[in-house]
Amino acid sequence: MNATAKAEILSRYQDHIARFDRDADNRRRPGLSLVPGEPVQPEPPQRLVLTLREQEVLGLIATGLTDTQIGEELVISESTVKTHVKRILLKLTARNRAHAVALAARGRLLLIAPA
């Protein structure tokens, strides 16, 4: 995959982030207020640490590969890939793979290697 294709994929995910944020703002009900002292956003973890392998898996998820394809690329089993994906979702508190990539792109955790 060349650098242009990788940049296009990252751009799509950044567009997804912007749409996600706009939709979240539109879903808020007017007139509702938070309990005093309640934070608007949950506090981010002090230091989010993805292992090197988790970063590799997340990068391959961002390119659109399936668990089977990621396993073949990294020479690991599909069940190991699924374990890495579960841990990534947990660490990023993401609802799904696309959300994980969007959050990682926003937090500059997504490493895209040059072609």
C-alpha atoms as a PDB file:
ATOM      1  CA  MET A   1       0.000   0.000   0.000  1.00  0.00           C
ATOM      2  CA  ASN A   2       1.465   3.347  -1.000  1.00  0.00           C
ATOM      3  CA  ALA A   3       1.644   6.512   1.091  1.00  0.00           C
ATOM      4  CA  THR A   4      -1.178   8.180  -0.866  1.00  0.00           C
ATOM      5  CA  ALA A   5      -3.571   5.308  -0.133  1.00  0.00           C
ATOM      6  CA  LYS A   6      -2.612   5.341   3.547  1.00  0.00           C
ATOM      7  CA  ALA A   7      -3.141   9.096   3.737  1.00  0.00           C
ATOM      8  CA  GLU A   8      -6.561   8.695   2.082  1.00  0.00           C
ATOM      9  CA  ILE A   9      -7.572   6.019   4.620  1.00  0.00           C
ATOM     10  CA  LEU A  10      -6.468   8.233   7.512  1.00  0.00           C
ATOM     11  CA  SER A  11      -8.369  11.172   5.995  1.00  0.00           C
ATOM     12  CA  ARG A  12     -11.551   9.058   5.830  1.00  0.00           C
ATOM     13  CA  TYR A  13     -11.182   8.129   9.484  1.00  0.00           C
ATOM     14  CA  GLN A  14     -10.663  11.778  10.431  1.00  0.00           C
ATOM     15  CA  ASP A  15     -13.856  12.624   8.522  1.00  0.00           C
ATOM     16  CA  HIS A  16     -15.556   9.862  10.515  1.00  0.00           C
ATOM     17  CA  ILE A  17     -14.333  11.455  13.751  1.00  0.00           C
ATOM     18  CA  ALA A  18     -15.756  14.841  12.737  1.00  0.00           C
ATOM     19  CA  ARG A  19     -19.131  13.275  11.801  1.00  0.00           C
ATOM     20  CA  PHE A  20     -19.176  11.311  15.057  1.00  0.00           C
ATOM     21  CA  ASP A  21     -18.579  14.494  17.080  1.00  0.00           C
ATOM     22  CA  ARG A  22     -21.262  16.435  15.162  1.00  0.00           C
ATOM     23  CA  ASP A  23     -23.780  13.623  15.591  1.00  0.00           C
ATOM     24  CA  ALA A  24     -23.031  13.413  19.313  1.00  0.00           C
ATOM     25  CA  ASP A  25     -23.677  17.159  19.662  1.00  0.00           C
ATOM     26  CA  ASN A  26     -26.953  16.831  17.735  1.00  0.00           C
ATOM     27  CA  ARG A  27     -28.177  13.969  19.959  1.00  0.00           C
ATOM     28  CA  ARG A  28     -27.844  15.975  23.168  1.00  0.00           C
ATOM     29  CA  ARG A  29     -31.240  16.981  24.461  1.00  0.00           C
ATOM     30  CA  PRO A  30     -31.748  20.697  25.040  1.00  0.00           C
ATOM     31  CA  GLY A  31     -32.585  21.655  28.594  1.00  0.00           C
ATOM     32  CA  LEU A  32     -30.791  18.730  30.201  1.00  0.00           C
ATOM     33  CA  SER A  33     -28.021  19.597  32.560  1.00  0.00           C
ATOM     34  CA  LEU A  34     -25.344  17.591  34.221  1.00  0.00           C
ATOM     35  CA  VAL A  35     -25.295  16.978  37.926  1.00  0.00           C
ATOM     36  CA  PRO A  36     -23.066  19.654  39.517  1.00  0.00           C
ATOM     37  CA  GLY A  37     -19.504  18.479  39.701  1.00  0.00           C
ATOM     38  CA  GLU A  38     -20.009  15.747  37.085  1.00  0.00           C
ATOM     39  CA  PRO A  39     -17.329  15.945  34.374  1.00  0.00           C
ATOM     40  CA  VAL A  40     -18.516  16.558  30.822  1.00  0.00           C
ATOM     41  CA  GLN A  41     -16.110  13.983  29.413  1.00  0.00           C
ATOM     42  CA  PRO A  42     -14.606  11.027  31.236  1.00  0.00           C
ATOM     43  CA  GLU A  43     -11.047  11.679  32.269  1.00  0.00           C
ATOM     44  CA  PRO A  44      -8.620  10.211  29.751  1.00  0.00           C
ATOM     45  CA  PRO A  45      -6.284   7.586  31.093  1.00  0.00           C
ATOM     46  CA  GLN A  46      -3.062   9.035  32.467  1.00  0.00           C
ATOM     47  CA  ARG A  47      -1.001   7.161  29.949  1.00  0.00           C
ATOM     48  CA  LEU A  48      -2.468   4.864  27.354  1.00  0.00           C
ATOM     49  CA  VAL A  49      -0.032   2.149  26.426  1.00  0.00           C
ATOM     50  CA  LEU A  50      -0.627  -0.056  23.428  1.00  0.00           C
ATOM     51  CA  THR A  51       1.935  -2.761  22.928  1.00  0.00           C
ATOM     52  CA  LEU A  52       3.919  -2.777  19.710  1.00  0.00           C
ATOM     53  CA  ARG A  53       1.868  -5.756  18.493  1.00  0.00           C
ATOM     54  CA  GLU A  54      -1.389  -3.962  19.342  1.00  0.00           C
ATOM     55  CA  GLN A  55      -0.171  -0.943  17.381  1.00  0.00           C
ATOM     56  CA  GLU A  56       0.612  -3.202  14.431  1.00  0.00           C
ATOM     57  CA  VAL A  57      -2.819  -4.835  14.617  1.00  0.00           C
ATOM     58  CA  LEU A  58      -4.538  -1.446  14.910  1.00  0.00           C
ATOM     59  CA  GLY A  59      -2.617  -0.176  11.889  1.00  0.00           C
ATOM     60  CA  LEU A  60      -3.720  -3.196   9.864  1.00  0.00           C
ATOM     61  CA  ILE A  61      -7.315  -2.741  11.046  1.00  0.00           C
ATOM     62  CA  ALA A  62      -7.082   0.830   9.729  1.00  0.00           C
ATOM     63  CA  THR A  63      -6.145  -0.503   6.296  1.00  0.00           C
ATOM     64  CA  GLY A  64      -9.321  -2.581   6.263  1.00  0.00           C
ATOM     65  CA  LEU A  65      -7.883  -6.062   6.727  1.00  0.00           C
ATOM     66  CA  THR A  66      -9.936  -8.840   8.300  1.00  0.00           C
ATOM     67  CA  ASP A  67      -8.756 -10.819  11.330  1.00  0.00           C
ATOM     68  CA  THR A  68      -7.688 -13.670   9.047  1.00  0.00           C
ATOM     69  CA  GLN A  69      -5.697 -11.330   6.803  1.00  0.00           C
ATOM     70  CA  ILE A  70      -4.080  -9.639   9.799  1.00  0.00           C
ATOM     71  CA  GLY A  71      -3.085 -13.056  11.135  1.00  0.00           C
ATOM     72  CA  GLU A  72      -1.518 -13.982   7.818  1.00  0.00           C
ATOM     73  CA  GLU A  73       0.311 -10.652   7.631  1.00  0.00           C
ATOM     74  CA  LEU A  74       1.727 -10.942  11.165  1.00  0.00           C
ATOM     75  CA  VAL A  75       2.101 -14.736  11.090  1.00  0.00           C
ATOM     76  CA  ILE A  76      -0.144 -15.279  14.113  1.00  0.00           C
ATOM     77  CA  SER A  77      -3.409 -17.170  14.538  1.00  0.00           C
ATOM     78  CA  GLU A  78      -6.785 -15.577  13.960  1.00  0.00           C
ATOM     79  CA  SER A  79      -7.715 -16.159  17.607  1.00  0.00           C
ATOM     80  CA  THR A  80      -4.575 -14.265  18.687  1.00  0.00           C
ATOM     81  CA  VAL A  81      -5.611 -11.391  16.430  1.00  0.00           C
ATOM     82  CA  LYS A  82      -9.065 -11.410  18.051  1.00  0.00           C
ATOM     83  CA  THR A  83      -7.435 -11.250  21.483  1.00  0.00           C
ATOM     84  CA  HIS A  84      -5.354  -8.248  20.398  1.00  0.00           C
ATOM     85  CA  VAL A  85      -8.468  -6.557  18.977  1.00  0.00           C
ATOM     86  CA  LYS A  86     -10.376  -7.125  22.247  1.00  0.00           C
ATOM     87  CA  ARG A  87      -7.525  -5.604  24.243  1.00  0.00           C
ATOM     88  CA  ILE A  88      -7.290  -2.632  21.874  1.00  0.00           C
ATOM     89  CA  LEU A  89     -11.033  -1.987  22.196  1.00  0.00           C
ATOM     90  CA  LEU A  90     -10.800  -2.236  25.970  1.00  0.00           C
ATOM     91  CA  LYS A  91      -7.793   0.068  26.260  1.00  0.00           C
ATOM     92  CA  LEU A  92      -9.293   2.677  23.947  1.00  0.00           C
ATOM     93  CA  THR A  93     -12.827   2.197  25.356  1.00  0.00           C
ATOM     94  CA  ALA A  94     -13.994   1.847  21.765  1.00  0.00           C
ATOM     95  CA  ARG A  95     -17.316   0.337  20.718  1.00  0.00           C
ATOM     96  CA  ASN A  96     -15.996  -1.280  17.550  1.00  0.00           C
ATOM     97  CA  ARG A  97     -13.009  -1.453  15.227  1.00  0.00           C
ATOM     98  CA  ALA A  98     -13.849   1.736  13.299  1.00  0.00           C
ATOM     99  CA  HIS A  99     -14.332   3.629  16.549  1.00  0.00           C
ATOM    100  CA  ALA A 100     -10.960   2.340  17.795  1.00  0.00           C
ATOM    101  CA  VAL A 101      -9.221   3.595  14.646  1.00  0.00           C
ATOM    102  CA  ALA A 102     -10.998   6.950  14.919  1.00  0.00           C
ATOM    103  CA  LEU A 103      -9.994   7.338  18.576  1.00  0.00           C
ATOM    104  CA  ALA A 104      -6.429   6.289  17.822  1.00  0.00           C
ATOM    105  CA  ALA A 105      -6.213   8.767  14.944  1.00  0.00           C
ATOM    106  CA  ARG A 106      -7.561  11.534  17.189  1.00  0.00           C
ATOM    107  CA  GLY A 107      -5.071  10.674  19.939  1.00  0.00           C
ATOM    108  CA  ARG A 108      -2.219  10.257  17.460  1.00  0.00           C
ATOM    109  CA  LEU A 109      -1.797   6.634  18.514  1.00  0.00           C
ATOM    110  CA  LEU A 110      -2.205   5.323  14.996  1.00  0.00           C
ATOM    111  CA  LEU A 111       1.160   4.772  13.416  1.00  0.00           C
ATOM    112  CA  ILE A 112       1.144   4.557   9.632  1.00  0.00           C
ATOM    113  CA  ALA A 113       4.520   3.527   8.329  1.00  0.00           C
ATOM    114  CA  PRO A 114       5.785   5.049   5.088  1.00  0.00           C
ATOM    115  CA  ALA A 115       5.461   2.890   1.988  1.00  0.00           C
END
